[in-house]
Amino acid sequence: MLLTLTTTHNPATDLGYLLHKNPAKLDSFELSFGKAHVFYPEATTERCTAALLLDVDPVGLVRGKRGQHEDGTLDQYVNDRPYVLSSFLSVAMGRAFGTAMSGHSKGRQELADLPIPLTANLTVVACKAGEGLIRELFEPLGYGVVARTALTIE
């Protein structure tokens, strides 16, 4: 799962202050279900993008669970959890950006109080109900929604 946050605020690298993450450094966090990584694929004064990459460990999700699959079958390791957007991303966002989501900044509170242009992009979001539901959920909150259907090859 990949979430990117992009701003064109000037200077755009102020995003690092807002997220409490240095654009020149990779931050990684251990989670109970895998790892989360925060990095900046783009960091200039004109445009800055922070990326949160969530690496879900499907084996780790089932390892040590007593009472499940004690017959030793491999089906316990085959699941879709690493490929669907779920509460795992919410947990990773809280861990990686919890301080930023509070709206507080120790040294730059005036920056945290400014409205800045921000674009959030979720690379893949499965929605069986279709684009209409996504629009119904996010547009009333003031978000612009751009949805593209993924190409499937069989």
N, C-alpha and C. Protein backbone atom coordinates (compact mmCIF):
# COMPACT_ATOMS: atom_id res chain seq x y z
N MET A 1 0.84 -1.16 0.00
CA MET A 1 0.00 0.00 0.00
C MET A 1 0.89 1.23 0.00
N LEU A 2 0.50 2.21 -0.78
CA LEU A 2 1.30 3.41 -0.90
C LEU A 2 0.40 4.64 -0.82
N LEU A 3 0.71 5.53 0.10
CA LEU A 3 0.04 6.80 0.25
C LEU A 3 1.07 7.88 0.00
N THR A 4 0.74 8.83 -0.91
CA THR A 4 1.63 9.96 -1.12
C THR A 4 0.90 11.25 -0.77
N LEU A 5 1.63 12.18 -0.20
CA LEU A 5 1.14 13.51 0.14
C LEU A 5 2.04 14.51 -0.56
N THR A 6 1.44 15.36 -1.40
CA THR A 6 2.22 16.30 -2.21
C THR A 6 1.72 17.72 -1.96
N THR A 7 2.66 18.65 -1.87
CA THR A 7 2.31 20.06 -1.75
C THR A 7 3.13 20.89 -2.72
N THR A 8 2.55 22.03 -3.12
CA THR A 8 3.25 23.02 -3.92
C THR A 8 3.39 24.32 -3.14
N HIS A 9 3.11 24.26 -1.84
CA HIS A 9 3.32 25.40 -0.94
C HIS A 9 4.77 25.85 -1.09
N ASN A 10 5.02 27.15 -0.98
CA ASN A 10 6.37 27.64 -1.16
C ASN A 10 6.96 28.09 0.17
N PRO A 11 8.07 27.53 0.63
CA PRO A 11 8.81 26.42 0.05
C PRO A 11 8.13 25.08 0.36
N ALA A 12 8.07 24.24 -0.64
CA ALA A 12 7.36 22.95 -0.51
C ALA A 12 8.02 22.03 0.51
N THR A 13 9.30 22.19 0.72
CA THR A 13 10.00 21.32 1.68
C THR A 13 9.55 21.56 3.12
N ASP A 14 8.73 22.60 3.33
CA ASP A 14 8.12 22.78 4.66
C ASP A 14 7.26 21.58 5.05
N LEU A 15 6.88 20.77 4.07
CA LEU A 15 6.12 19.55 4.37
C LEU A 15 6.87 18.68 5.37
N GLY A 16 8.19 18.69 5.30
CA GLY A 16 9.00 17.94 6.26
C GLY A 16 8.78 18.40 7.69
N TYR A 17 8.66 19.71 7.89
CA TYR A 17 8.37 20.24 9.22
C TYR A 17 6.97 19.83 9.68
N LEU A 18 6.01 19.90 8.75
CA LEU A 18 4.64 19.58 9.11
C LEU A 18 4.48 18.10 9.50
N LEU A 19 5.18 17.24 8.79
CA LEU A 19 5.07 15.79 9.05
C LEU A 19 6.08 15.30 10.08
N HIS A 20 6.98 16.19 10.50
CA HIS A 20 8.03 15.82 11.47
C HIS A 20 8.92 14.71 10.92
N LYS A 21 9.19 14.77 9.61
CA LYS A 21 10.06 13.79 8.95
C LYS A 21 11.01 14.54 8.04
N ASN A 22 12.29 14.25 8.13
CA ASN A 22 13.32 14.90 7.34
C ASN A 22 13.28 14.37 5.90
N PRO A 23 13.12 15.26 4.91
CA PRO A 23 13.09 14.81 3.51
C PRO A 23 14.36 14.10 3.05
N ALA A 24 15.47 14.32 3.72
CA ALA A 24 16.73 13.70 3.32
C ALA A 24 16.95 12.34 3.97
N LYS A 25 15.98 11.87 4.76
CA LYS A 25 16.17 10.64 5.54
C LYS A 25 15.01 9.67 5.35
N LEU A 26 15.32 8.39 5.30
CA LEU A 26 14.31 7.34 5.27
C LEU A 26 13.97 6.98 6.71
N ASP A 27 12.67 6.98 7.02
CA ASP A 27 12.21 6.55 8.35
C ASP A 27 11.46 5.24 8.19
N SER A 28 11.78 4.26 9.03
CA SER A 28 11.09 2.97 9.00
C SER A 28 10.56 2.66 10.39
N PHE A 29 9.40 2.03 10.43
CA PHE A 29 8.74 1.69 11.69
C PHE A 29 8.31 0.24 11.66
N GLU A 30 8.62 -0.48 12.72
CA GLU A 30 8.13 -1.85 12.88
C GLU A 30 6.69 -1.79 13.37
N LEU A 31 5.83 -2.57 12.76
CA LEU A 31 4.43 -2.68 13.16
C LEU A 31 4.13 -4.14 13.41
N SER A 32 3.06 -4.43 14.12
CA SER A 32 2.74 -5.82 14.44
C SER A 32 2.42 -6.65 13.19
N PHE A 33 2.13 -6.00 12.07
CA PHE A 33 1.74 -6.70 10.85
C PHE A 33 2.71 -6.47 9.70
N GLY A 34 3.84 -5.82 9.97
CA GLY A 34 4.82 -5.57 8.92
C GLY A 34 5.65 -4.34 9.22
N LYS A 35 5.99 -3.59 8.18
CA LYS A 35 6.81 -2.39 8.33
C LYS A 35 6.18 -1.24 7.57
N ALA A 36 6.44 -0.03 8.04
CA ALA A 36 6.04 1.19 7.34
C ALA A 36 7.30 2.00 7.08
N HIS A 37 7.36 2.59 5.91
CA HIS A 37 8.52 3.40 5.53
C HIS A 37 8.02 4.77 5.05
N VAL A 38 8.66 5.83 5.51
CA VAL A 38 8.35 7.18 5.05
C VAL A 38 9.60 7.70 4.34
N PHE A 39 9.40 8.17 3.11
CA PHE A 39 10.50 8.73 2.33
C PHE A 39 9.94 9.81 1.41
N TYR A 40 10.83 10.58 0.84
CA TYR A 40 10.46 11.69 -0.03
C TYR A 40 11.02 11.43 -1.43
N PRO A 41 10.20 10.96 -2.36
CA PRO A 41 10.70 10.75 -3.73
C PRO A 41 10.97 12.07 -4.46
N GLU A 42 10.40 13.16 -3.93
CA GLU A 42 10.57 14.48 -4.54
C GLU A 42 10.60 15.52 -3.42
N ALA A 43 11.64 16.35 -3.40
CA ALA A 43 11.74 17.38 -2.35
C ALA A 43 12.49 18.59 -2.89
N THR A 44 11.73 19.48 -3.51
CA THR A 44 12.29 20.75 -3.99
C THR A 44 11.49 21.88 -3.37
N THR A 45 11.95 23.10 -3.55
CA THR A 45 11.22 24.23 -2.99
C THR A 45 9.88 24.44 -3.71
N GLU A 46 9.76 23.95 -4.96
CA GLU A 46 8.52 24.11 -5.72
C GLU A 46 7.50 23.01 -5.46
N ARG A 47 7.97 21.80 -5.19
CA ARG A 47 7.07 20.65 -5.04
C ARG A 47 7.73 19.62 -4.14
N CYS A 48 6.95 19.10 -3.20
CA CYS A 48 7.49 18.11 -2.27
C CYS A 48 6.46 17.00 -2.08
N THR A 49 6.92 15.77 -2.15
CA THR A 49 6.05 14.61 -1.98
C THR A 49 6.63 13.71 -0.90
N ALA A 50 5.79 13.41 0.09
CA ALA A 50 6.14 12.43 1.12
C ALA A 50 5.37 11.15 0.81
N ALA A 51 6.03 10.03 0.94
CA ALA A 51 5.39 8.75 0.66
C ALA A 51 5.42 7.87 1.90
N LEU A 52 4.29 7.23 2.16
CA LEU A 52 4.19 6.23 3.23
C LEU A 52 3.95 4.89 2.55
N LEU A 53 4.94 4.03 2.63
CA LEU A 53 4.86 2.71 2.03
C LEU A 53 4.62 1.70 3.13
N LEU A 54 3.57 0.94 3.01
CA LEU A 54 3.23 -0.07 4.00
C LEU A 54 3.54 -1.44 3.43
N ASP A 55 4.38 -2.18 4.11
CA ASP A 55 4.78 -3.52 3.69
C ASP A 55 4.19 -4.51 4.69
N VAL A 56 3.05 -5.10 4.32
CA VAL A 56 2.36 -6.05 5.20
C VAL A 56 3.02 -7.41 5.05
N ASP A 57 3.30 -8.06 6.17
CA ASP A 57 3.93 -9.38 6.19
C ASP A 57 2.84 -10.44 6.37
N PRO A 58 2.37 -11.10 5.29
CA PRO A 58 1.28 -12.08 5.43
C PRO A 58 1.67 -13.28 6.28
N VAL A 59 2.94 -13.67 6.26
CA VAL A 59 3.39 -14.79 7.08
C VAL A 59 3.36 -14.40 8.55
N GLY A 60 3.83 -13.19 8.85
CA GLY A 60 3.83 -12.71 10.22
C GLY A 60 2.44 -12.57 10.79
N LEU A 61 1.45 -12.32 9.92
CA LEU A 61 0.08 -12.18 10.38
C LEU A 61 -0.49 -13.48 10.96
N VAL A 62 -0.02 -14.60 10.46
CA VAL A 62 -0.55 -15.88 10.93
C VAL A 62 0.40 -16.62 11.86
N ARG A 63 1.66 -16.24 11.86
CA ARG A 63 2.64 -16.92 12.69
C ARG A 63 2.30 -16.73 14.17
N GLY A 64 2.31 -17.80 14.91
CA GLY A 64 2.09 -17.72 16.35
C GLY A 64 0.62 -17.68 16.75
N LYS A 65 -0.29 -17.84 15.81
CA LYS A 65 -1.72 -17.85 16.15
C LYS A 65 -2.12 -19.28 16.50
N ARG A 66 -2.35 -19.54 17.75
CA ARG A 66 -2.70 -20.88 18.20
C ARG A 66 -4.15 -21.19 17.86
N GLY A 67 -4.39 -22.44 17.54
CA GLY A 67 -5.75 -22.89 17.29
C GLY A 67 -6.19 -22.74 15.85
N GLN A 68 -5.43 -22.00 15.06
CA GLN A 68 -5.78 -21.83 13.66
C GLN A 68 -4.84 -22.65 12.80
N HIS A 69 -5.36 -23.38 11.90
CA HIS A 69 -4.60 -24.12 10.90
C HIS A 69 -3.55 -25.04 11.54
N GLU A 70 -3.93 -25.70 12.60
CA GLU A 70 -2.95 -26.57 13.26
C GLU A 70 -2.64 -27.83 12.46
N ASP A 71 -3.42 -28.05 11.38
CA ASP A 71 -3.14 -29.22 10.56
C ASP A 71 -1.96 -29.01 9.61
N GLY A 72 -1.37 -27.79 9.64
CA GLY A 72 -0.15 -27.53 8.86
C GLY A 72 -0.40 -27.20 7.40
N THR A 73 -1.62 -26.86 7.01
CA THR A 73 -1.87 -26.53 5.62
C THR A 73 -1.29 -25.17 5.26
N LEU A 74 -1.00 -25.01 4.00
CA LEU A 74 -0.42 -23.76 3.53
C LEU A 74 -1.46 -22.67 3.28
N ASP A 75 -2.75 -23.00 3.32
CA ASP A 75 -3.77 -22.00 3.03
C ASP A 75 -3.76 -20.84 4.01
N GLN A 76 -3.18 -21.05 5.20
CA GLN A 76 -3.11 -19.96 6.17
C GLN A 76 -2.22 -18.82 5.68
N TYR A 77 -1.28 -19.13 4.78
CA TYR A 77 -0.37 -18.11 4.29
C TYR A 77 -0.87 -17.42 3.02
N VAL A 78 -1.92 -17.92 2.43
CA VAL A 78 -2.45 -17.36 1.20
C VAL A 78 -3.65 -16.49 1.55
N ASN A 79 -3.47 -15.18 1.42
CA ASN A 79 -4.56 -14.25 1.70
C ASN A 79 -4.32 -12.97 0.92
N ASP A 80 -5.34 -12.12 0.91
CA ASP A 80 -5.24 -10.88 0.14
C ASP A 80 -4.89 -9.67 1.00
N ARG A 81 -4.59 -9.86 2.26
CA ARG A 81 -4.37 -8.72 3.15
C ARG A 81 -3.28 -7.75 2.69
N PRO A 82 -2.17 -8.22 2.11
CA PRO A 82 -1.17 -7.23 1.68
C PRO A 82 -1.62 -6.37 0.51
N TYR A 83 -2.71 -6.73 -0.15
CA TYR A 83 -3.10 -6.06 -1.38
C TYR A 83 -4.37 -5.23 -1.26
N VAL A 84 -4.95 -5.14 -0.11
CA VAL A 84 -6.17 -4.36 0.06
C VAL A 84 -5.92 -3.24 1.06
N LEU A 85 -6.57 -2.11 0.80
CA LEU A 85 -6.48 -1.01 1.73
C LEU A 85 -7.34 -1.34 2.92
N SER A 86 -6.81 -1.20 4.11
CA SER A 86 -7.55 -1.61 5.30
C SER A 86 -7.10 -0.78 6.48
N SER A 87 -7.49 -1.22 7.64
CA SER A 87 -7.11 -0.51 8.86
C SER A 87 -5.60 -0.54 9.08
N PHE A 88 -4.89 -1.41 8.39
CA PHE A 88 -3.44 -1.43 8.53
C PHE A 88 -2.85 -0.07 8.15
N LEU A 89 -3.37 0.53 7.08
CA LEU A 89 -2.86 1.83 6.66
C LEU A 89 -3.17 2.90 7.71
N SER A 90 -4.34 2.83 8.32
CA SER A 90 -4.69 3.79 9.37
C SER A 90 -3.72 3.70 10.54
N VAL A 91 -3.37 2.48 10.92
CA VAL A 91 -2.42 2.29 12.02
C VAL A 91 -1.05 2.86 11.63
N ALA A 92 -0.62 2.59 10.41
CA ALA A 92 0.68 3.08 9.95
C ALA A 92 0.69 4.61 9.89
N MET A 93 -0.41 5.22 9.44
CA MET A 93 -0.49 6.68 9.39
C MET A 93 -0.40 7.27 10.80
N GLY A 94 -1.09 6.64 11.75
CA GLY A 94 -1.03 7.11 13.13
C GLY A 94 0.36 7.04 13.70
N ARG A 95 1.07 5.97 13.38
CA ARG A 95 2.43 5.79 13.88
C ARG A 95 3.41 6.74 13.21
N ALA A 96 3.28 6.90 11.89
CA ALA A 96 4.23 7.72 11.14
C ALA A 96 3.94 9.21 11.24
N PHE A 97 2.65 9.58 11.25
CA PHE A 97 2.28 10.99 11.18
C PHE A 97 1.42 11.45 12.36
N GLY A 98 1.42 10.71 13.45
CA GLY A 98 0.56 11.02 14.59
C GLY A 98 0.74 12.43 15.13
N THR A 99 1.98 12.86 15.26
CA THR A 99 2.25 14.21 15.76
C THR A 99 1.72 15.25 14.78
N ALA A 100 1.94 15.03 13.49
CA ALA A 100 1.47 15.97 12.48
C ALA A 100 -0.05 16.04 12.45
N MET A 101 -0.72 14.92 12.63
CA MET A 101 -2.19 14.90 12.58
C MET A 101 -2.80 15.63 13.77
N SER A 102 -2.02 15.87 14.81
CA SER A 102 -2.54 16.60 15.96
C SER A 102 -2.66 18.10 15.66
N GLY A 103 -1.95 18.56 14.62
CA GLY A 103 -1.99 19.97 14.25
C GLY A 103 -1.02 20.84 15.02
N HIS A 104 -0.11 20.21 15.75
CA HIS A 104 0.85 20.97 16.56
C HIS A 104 2.26 20.87 15.99
N SER A 105 3.01 21.93 16.14
CA SER A 105 4.41 21.94 15.73
C SER A 105 5.20 22.72 16.78
N LYS A 106 6.23 22.11 17.34
CA LYS A 106 7.01 22.76 18.40
C LYS A 106 7.62 24.08 17.94
N GLY A 107 8.34 24.05 16.84
CA GLY A 107 9.05 25.24 16.42
C GLY A 107 8.38 26.04 15.32
N ARG A 108 7.34 25.50 14.68
CA ARG A 108 6.75 26.17 13.51
C ARG A 108 5.22 26.12 13.55
N GLN A 109 4.62 26.51 14.66
CA GLN A 109 3.17 26.45 14.79
C GLN A 109 2.45 27.32 13.76
N GLU A 110 3.06 28.45 13.39
CA GLU A 110 2.44 29.31 12.37
C GLU A 110 2.32 28.57 11.04
N LEU A 111 3.26 27.70 10.74
CA LEU A 111 3.20 26.89 9.53
C LEU A 111 2.09 25.84 9.64
N ALA A 112 1.98 25.22 10.80
CA ALA A 112 0.93 24.22 11.00
C ALA A 112 -0.46 24.83 10.93
N ASP A 113 -0.59 26.11 11.23
CA ASP A 113 -1.89 26.79 11.19
C ASP A 113 -2.27 27.27 9.79
N LEU A 114 -1.32 27.29 8.85
CA LEU A 114 -1.60 27.77 7.49
C LEU A 114 -2.36 26.74 6.66
N PRO A 115 -3.33 27.19 5.87
CA PRO A 115 -3.91 26.27 4.88
C PRO A 115 -2.93 26.14 3.71
N ILE A 116 -2.54 24.94 3.37
CA ILE A 116 -1.61 24.74 2.26
C ILE A 116 -2.24 23.79 1.25
N PRO A 117 -1.87 23.92 -0.03
CA PRO A 117 -2.38 22.97 -1.02
C PRO A 117 -1.76 21.60 -0.77
N LEU A 118 -2.60 20.60 -0.66
CA LEU A 118 -2.12 19.25 -0.34
C LEU A 118 -2.92 18.25 -1.16
N THR A 119 -2.22 17.36 -1.82
CA THR A 119 -2.85 16.30 -2.60
C THR A 119 -2.46 14.97 -1.98
N ALA A 120 -3.47 14.16 -1.65
CA ALA A 120 -3.23 12.81 -1.14
C ALA A 120 -3.59 11.82 -2.24
N ASN A 121 -2.75 10.82 -2.41
CA ASN A 121 -2.99 9.82 -3.44
C ASN A 121 -2.82 8.42 -2.84
N LEU A 122 -3.86 7.62 -2.96
CA LEU A 122 -3.78 6.21 -2.59
C LEU A 122 -3.63 5.44 -3.89
N THR A 123 -2.55 4.71 -4.02
CA THR A 123 -2.25 4.08 -5.29
C THR A 123 -3.32 3.10 -5.73
N VAL A 124 -3.79 2.26 -4.83
CA VAL A 124 -4.83 1.29 -5.17
C VAL A 124 -5.83 1.22 -4.05
N VAL A 125 -7.09 1.42 -4.39
CA VAL A 125 -8.17 1.28 -3.42
C VAL A 125 -9.25 0.42 -4.07
N ALA A 126 -9.51 -0.73 -3.50
CA ALA A 126 -10.56 -1.60 -4.03
C ALA A 126 -11.91 -1.10 -3.50
N CYS A 127 -12.87 -0.98 -4.40
CA CYS A 127 -14.21 -0.54 -4.00
C CYS A 127 -15.23 -1.25 -4.88
N LYS A 128 -15.77 -2.35 -4.37
CA LYS A 128 -16.73 -3.13 -5.15
C LYS A 128 -17.98 -2.33 -5.50
N ALA A 129 -18.32 -1.34 -4.66
CA ALA A 129 -19.52 -0.52 -4.91
C ALA A 129 -19.29 0.51 -6.01
N GLY A 130 -18.05 0.72 -6.42
CA GLY A 130 -17.76 1.61 -7.53
C GLY A 130 -17.38 3.02 -7.14
N GLU A 131 -17.08 3.80 -8.17
CA GLU A 131 -16.62 5.18 -8.00
C GLU A 131 -17.64 6.05 -7.29
N GLY A 132 -18.91 5.78 -7.50
CA GLY A 132 -19.97 6.58 -6.87
C GLY A 132 -19.85 6.62 -5.35
N LEU A 133 -19.55 5.48 -4.76
CA LEU A 133 -19.41 5.42 -3.30
C LEU A 133 -18.20 6.23 -2.83
N ILE A 134 -17.11 6.14 -3.56
CA ILE A 134 -15.91 6.90 -3.19
C ILE A 134 -16.22 8.40 -3.22
N ARG A 135 -16.92 8.84 -4.26
CA ARG A 135 -17.30 10.25 -4.36
C ARG A 135 -18.26 10.64 -3.22
N GLU A 136 -19.20 9.77 -2.93
CA GLU A 136 -20.18 10.03 -1.87
C GLU A 136 -19.51 10.19 -0.51
N LEU A 137 -18.44 9.45 -0.29
CA LEU A 137 -17.73 9.52 0.99
C LEU A 137 -16.83 10.75 1.12
N PHE A 138 -16.12 11.11 0.04
CA PHE A 138 -15.08 12.13 0.15
C PHE A 138 -15.48 13.52 -0.34
N GLU A 139 -16.31 13.63 -1.35
CA GLU A 139 -16.64 14.95 -1.88
C GLU A 139 -17.39 15.84 -0.88
N PRO A 140 -18.32 15.31 -0.07
CA PRO A 140 -18.96 16.18 0.92
C PRO A 140 -17.99 16.77 1.94
N LEU A 141 -16.82 16.15 2.09
CA LEU A 141 -15.81 16.65 3.02
C LEU A 141 -14.92 17.71 2.38
N GLY A 142 -15.18 18.00 1.10
CA GLY A 142 -14.40 19.02 0.40
C GLY A 142 -13.27 18.48 -0.44
N TYR A 143 -13.14 17.17 -0.53
CA TYR A 143 -12.06 16.58 -1.32
C TYR A 143 -12.47 16.48 -2.78
N GLY A 144 -11.51 16.74 -3.66
CA GLY A 144 -11.70 16.46 -5.07
C GLY A 144 -11.31 15.01 -5.30
N VAL A 145 -12.13 14.28 -6.02
CA VAL A 145 -11.87 12.85 -6.23
C VAL A 145 -11.57 12.61 -7.71
N VAL A 146 -10.45 11.96 -7.98
CA VAL A 146 -10.12 11.50 -9.31
C VAL A 146 -9.97 9.99 -9.20
N ALA A 147 -10.85 9.27 -9.86
CA ALA A 147 -10.82 7.80 -9.78
C ALA A 147 -10.55 7.23 -11.17
N ARG A 148 -9.69 6.26 -11.21
CA ARG A 148 -9.38 5.55 -12.45
C ARG A 148 -9.58 4.07 -12.22
N THR A 149 -10.16 3.41 -13.19
CA THR A 149 -10.35 1.97 -13.08
C THR A 149 -9.05 1.28 -13.45
N ALA A 150 -8.67 0.33 -12.64
CA ALA A 150 -7.44 -0.41 -12.89
C ALA A 150 -7.63 -1.38 -14.04
N LEU A 151 -6.62 -1.54 -14.82
CA LEU A 151 -6.61 -2.47 -15.93
C LEU A 151 -6.30 -3.86 -15.39
N THR A 152 -7.14 -4.81 -15.68
CA THR A 152 -6.87 -6.19 -15.25
C THR A 152 -6.57 -7.03 -16.47
N ILE A 153 -5.54 -7.82 -16.36
CA ILE A 153 -5.13 -8.71 -17.45
C ILE A 153 -5.24 -10.13 -16.96
N GLU A 154 -5.95 -10.93 -17.70
CA GLU A 154 -6.10 -12.33 -17.29
C GLU A 154 -5.38 -13.23 -18.25
